[in-house]
Amino acid sequence: MAAVMDLDLNCAPPSPEPAPQDHRLAHAMLRQEHAYRHQV
């Protein structure tokens, strides 16, 4: 879970360089999976 927390911290501040779309997609999928786990 530490990796997910690090991703959230890294995505919080505006990055100096634009984040790749793949990274955004992976992050969104991670958050979706995280929310799904809490629902179950």
PDB file of N, CA and C in Angstrom:
ATOM      1  N   MET A   1       0.834  -1.212   0.000  1.00  0.00           N
ATOM      2  CA  MET A   1       0.000   0.000   0.000  1.00  0.00           C
ATOM      3  C   MET A   1       0.864   1.255   0.000  1.00  0.00           C
ATOM      4  N   ALA A   2       2.113   1.102   0.418  1.00  0.00           N
ATOM      5  CA  ALA A   2       3.010   2.270   0.461  1.00  0.00           C
ATOM      6  C   ALA A   2       3.177   2.855  -0.943  1.00  0.00           C
ATOM      7  N   ALA A   3       3.225   1.983  -1.947  1.00  0.00           N
ATOM      8  CA  ALA A   3       3.413   2.465  -3.318  1.00  0.00           C
ATOM      9  C   ALA A   3       2.233   3.345  -3.736  1.00  0.00           C
ATOM     10  N   VAL A   4       1.028   2.946  -3.355  1.00  0.00           N
ATOM     11  CA  VAL A   4      -0.152   3.734  -3.722  1.00  0.00           C
ATOM     12  C   VAL A   4      -0.101   5.093  -3.040  1.00  0.00           C
ATOM     13  N   MET A   5       0.303   5.121  -1.782  1.00  0.00           N
ATOM     14  CA  MET A   5       0.406   6.389  -1.055  1.00  0.00           C
ATOM     15  C   MET A   5       1.428   7.292  -1.733  1.00  0.00           C
ATOM     16  N   ASP A   6       2.550   6.717  -2.156  1.00  0.00           N
ATOM     17  CA  ASP A   6       3.574   7.511  -2.840  1.00  0.00           C
ATOM     18  C   ASP A   6       3.016   8.098  -4.133  1.00  0.00           C
ATOM     19  N   LEU A   7       2.222   7.312  -4.859  1.00  0.00           N
ATOM     20  CA  LEU A   7       1.627   7.812  -6.100  1.00  0.00           C
ATOM     21  C   LEU A   7       0.729   9.006  -5.799  1.00  0.00           C
ATOM     22  N   ASP A   8      -0.078   8.896  -4.745  1.00  0.00           N
ATOM     23  CA  ASP A   8      -0.974  10.005  -4.387  1.00  0.00           C
ATOM     24  C   ASP A   8      -0.164  11.250  -4.047  1.00  0.00           C
ATOM     25  N   LEU A   9       0.922  11.075  -3.295  1.00  0.00           N
ATOM     26  CA  LEU A   9       1.748  12.223  -2.907  1.00  0.00           C
ATOM     27  C   LEU A   9       2.399  12.841  -4.142  1.00  0.00           C
ATOM     28  N   ASN A  10       2.829  11.987  -5.077  1.00  0.00           N
ATOM     29  CA  ASN A  10       3.494  12.497  -6.277  1.00  0.00           C
ATOM     30  C   ASN A  10       2.501  13.216  -7.191  1.00  0.00           C
ATOM     31  N   CYS A  11       1.255  12.793  -7.182  1.00  0.00           N
ATOM     32  CA  CYS A  11       0.267  13.387  -8.083  1.00  0.00           C
ATOM     33  C   CYS A  11      -0.363  14.642  -7.473  1.00  0.00           C
ATOM     34  N   ALA A  12      -0.225  14.828  -6.179  1.00  0.00           N
ATOM     35  CA  ALA A  12      -0.860  15.972  -5.508  1.00  0.00           C
ATOM     36  C   ALA A  12      -0.320  17.305  -6.028  1.00  0.00           C
ATOM     37  N   PRO A  13       0.988  17.568  -5.953  1.00  0.00           N
ATOM     38  CA  PRO A  13       1.510  18.844  -6.448  1.00  0.00           C
ATOM     39  C   PRO A  13       1.602  18.845  -7.968  1.00  0.00           C
ATOM     40  N   PRO A  14       1.467  20.001  -8.619  1.00  0.00           N
ATOM     41  CA  PRO A  14       1.587  20.074 -10.078  1.00  0.00           C
ATOM     42  C   PRO A  14       2.996  19.713 -10.516  1.00  0.00           C
ATOM     43  N   SER A  15       3.108  18.715 -11.375  1.00  0.00           N
ATOM     44  CA  SER A  15       4.426  18.275 -11.833  1.00  0.00           C
ATOM     45  C   SER A  15       5.029  19.297 -12.792  1.00  0.00           C
ATOM     46  N   PRO A  16       6.338  19.518 -12.737  1.00  0.00           N
ATOM     47  CA  PRO A  16       6.999  20.445 -13.657  1.00  0.00           C
ATOM     48  C   PRO A  16       6.857  19.990 -15.106  1.00  0.00           C
ATOM     49  N   GLU A  17       6.830  18.669 -15.301  1.00  0.00           N
ATOM     50  CA  GLU A  17       6.658  18.128 -16.655  1.00  0.00           C
ATOM     51  C   GLU A  17       5.312  17.416 -16.739  1.00  0.00           C
ATOM     52  N   PRO A  18       4.626  17.479 -17.880  1.00  0.00           N
ATOM     53  CA  PRO A  18       3.319  16.838 -18.023  1.00  0.00           C
ATOM     54  C   PRO A  18       3.420  15.331 -17.836  1.00  0.00           C
ATOM     55  N   ALA A  19       2.558  14.778 -17.001  1.00  0.00           N
ATOM     56  CA  ALA A  19       2.581  13.337 -16.751  1.00  0.00           C
ATOM     57  C   ALA A  19       2.031  12.588 -17.965  1.00  0.00           C
ATOM     58  N   PRO A  20       2.635  11.470 -18.325  1.00  0.00           N
ATOM     59  CA  PRO A  20       2.163  10.670 -19.463  1.00  0.00           C
ATOM     60  C   PRO A  20       0.731  10.191 -19.225  1.00  0.00           C
ATOM     61  N   GLN A  21      -0.012  10.040 -20.299  1.00  0.00           N
ATOM     62  CA  GLN A  21      -1.403   9.600 -20.162  1.00  0.00           C
ATOM     63  C   GLN A  21      -1.460   8.206 -19.543  1.00  0.00           C
ATOM     64  N   ASP A  22      -0.470   7.373 -19.855  1.00  0.00           N
ATOM     65  CA  ASP A  22      -0.444   6.024 -19.294  1.00  0.00           C
ATOM     66  C   ASP A  22      -0.384   6.088 -17.772  1.00  0.00           C
ATOM     67  N   HIS A  23       0.397   7.032 -17.251  1.00  0.00           N
ATOM     68  CA  HIS A  23       0.517   7.169 -15.797  1.00  0.00           C
ATOM     69  C   HIS A  23      -0.826   7.577 -15.199  1.00  0.00           C
ATOM     70  N   ARG A  24      -1.507   8.501 -15.866  1.00  0.00           N
ATOM     71  CA  ARG A  24      -2.824   8.930 -15.374  1.00  0.00           C
ATOM     72  C   ARG A  24      -3.789   7.756 -15.371  1.00  0.00           C
ATOM     73  N   LEU A  25      -3.774   6.985 -16.453  1.00  0.00           N
ATOM     74  CA  LEU A  25      -4.683   5.849 -16.566  1.00  0.00           C
ATOM     75  C   LEU A  25      -4.390   4.831 -15.469  1.00  0.00           C
ATOM     76  N   ALA A  26      -3.117   4.527 -15.261  1.00  0.00           N
ATOM     77  CA  ALA A  26      -2.738   3.562 -14.227  1.00  0.00           C
ATOM     78  C   ALA A  26      -3.169   4.068 -12.851  1.00  0.00           C
ATOM     79  N   HIS A  27      -2.986   5.371 -12.609  1.00  0.00           N
ATOM     80  CA  HIS A  27      -3.359   5.943 -11.318  1.00  0.00           C
ATOM     81  C   HIS A  27      -4.873   5.856 -11.116  1.00  0.00           C
ATOM     82  N   ALA A  28      -5.630   6.164 -12.161  1.00  0.00           N
ATOM     83  CA  ALA A  28      -7.087   6.090 -12.073  1.00  0.00           C
ATOM     84  C   ALA A  28      -7.526   4.652 -11.798  1.00  0.00           C
ATOM     85  N   MET A  29      -6.904   3.701 -12.466  1.00  0.00           N
ATOM     86  CA  MET A  29      -7.245   2.293 -12.264  1.00  0.00           C
ATOM     87  C   MET A  29      -6.922   1.882 -10.832  1.00  0.00           C
ATOM     88  N   LEU A  30      -5.778   2.347 -10.313  1.00  0.00           N
ATOM     89  CA  LEU A  30      -5.401   2.020  -8.940  1.00  0.00           C
ATOM     90  C   LEU A  30      -6.439   2.569  -7.966  1.00  0.00           C
ATOM     91  N   ARG A  31      -6.867   3.815  -8.178  1.00  0.00           N
ATOM     92  CA  ARG A  31      -7.843   4.420  -7.268  1.00  0.00           C
ATOM     93  C   ARG A  31      -9.175   3.683  -7.365  1.00  0.00           C
ATOM     94  N   GLN A  32      -9.554   3.285  -8.588  1.00  0.00           N
ATOM     95  CA  GLN A  32     -10.808   2.559  -8.768  1.00  0.00           C
ATOM     96  C   GLN A  32     -10.748   1.224  -8.023  1.00  0.00           C
ATOM     97  N   GLU A  33      -9.625   0.521  -8.185  1.00  0.00           N
ATOM     98  CA  GLU A  33      -9.457  -0.772  -7.515  1.00  0.00           C
ATOM     99  C   GLU A  33      -9.476  -0.578  -6.004  1.00  0.00           C
ATOM    100  N   HIS A  34      -8.844   0.495  -5.523  1.00  0.00           N
ATOM    101  CA  HIS A  34      -8.797   0.780  -4.090  1.00  0.00           C
ATOM    102  C   HIS A  34     -10.211   1.013  -3.555  1.00  0.00           C
ATOM    103  N   ALA A  35     -11.006   1.794  -4.273  1.00  0.00           N
ATOM    104  CA  ALA A  35     -12.381   2.071  -3.852  1.00  0.00           C
ATOM    105  C   ALA A  35     -13.200   0.780  -3.872  1.00  0.00           C
ATOM    106  N   TYR A  36     -12.975  -0.065  -4.871  1.00  0.00           N
ATOM    107  CA  TYR A  36     -13.716  -1.323  -4.981  1.00  0.00           C
ATOM    108  C   TYR A  36     -13.408  -2.221  -3.785  1.00  0.00           C
ATOM    109  N   ARG A  37     -12.139  -2.258  -3.376  1.00  0.00           N
ATOM    110  CA  ARG A  37     -11.765  -3.087  -2.223  1.00  0.00           C
ATOM    111  C   ARG A  37     -12.498  -2.619  -0.969  1.00  0.00           C
ATOM    112  N   HIS A  38     -12.648  -1.319  -0.807  1.00  0.00           N
ATOM    113  CA  HIS A  38     -13.306  -0.798   0.394  1.00  0.00           C
ATOM    114  C   HIS A  38     -14.803  -1.095   0.370  1.00  0.00           C
ATOM    115  N   GLN A  39     -15.389  -1.175  -0.819  1.00  0.00           N
ATOM    116  CA  GLN A  39     -16.820  -1.464  -0.913  1.00  0.00           C
ATOM    117  C   GLN A  39     -17.107  -2.909  -0.526  1.00  0.00           C
ATOM    118  N   VAL A  40     -16.209  -3.820  -0.898  1.00  0.00           N
ATOM    119  CA  VAL A  40     -16.439  -5.251  -0.638  1.00  0.00           C
ATOM    120  C   VAL A  40     -16.266  -5.566   0.838  1.00  0.00           C
TER     121      VAL A  40
END
